[in-house]
Amino acid sequence: MGAEEGEVYILRPDDEAPEDDEESWVSPQPADEAILGAVAEEVDTDVDEFDDLEEYVDLDDLAALFGQADDESGPEDVTFEVDDHEVTVHRSGEIDVSAAES
């Protein structure tokens, strides 16, 4: 699951499930797919327009974020920039994208 294995995954709720469904599935999604997809959606472009995720953030930082779900000593979130947008990835799997402050 760590960056040394080449892929980092984020556990995210099923987008198809109703928000109030407490028993909805949580599924692993490749971090690059989830993060760059969220940025692409925010800026209304194709995900192929971006460089690889490791060009924007250290994958070891993301792996540390998700490495031990019950480890409270790790970071709560990781923030970095992707093409003039600030991206914050939370331990919960939530991804926030906003225009970067100048």
Foldseek 3Di string as FASTA:
>chain_A
DACVVPWDWAFAFDPPDDPPPPPGHTDIDTPQCLALVVVCVVVVHDSVVFDGPCVWPPRRLVCQLQVDLPDPVTDQWDWTDTPQWIWIQGSNRDIDIDGHDD
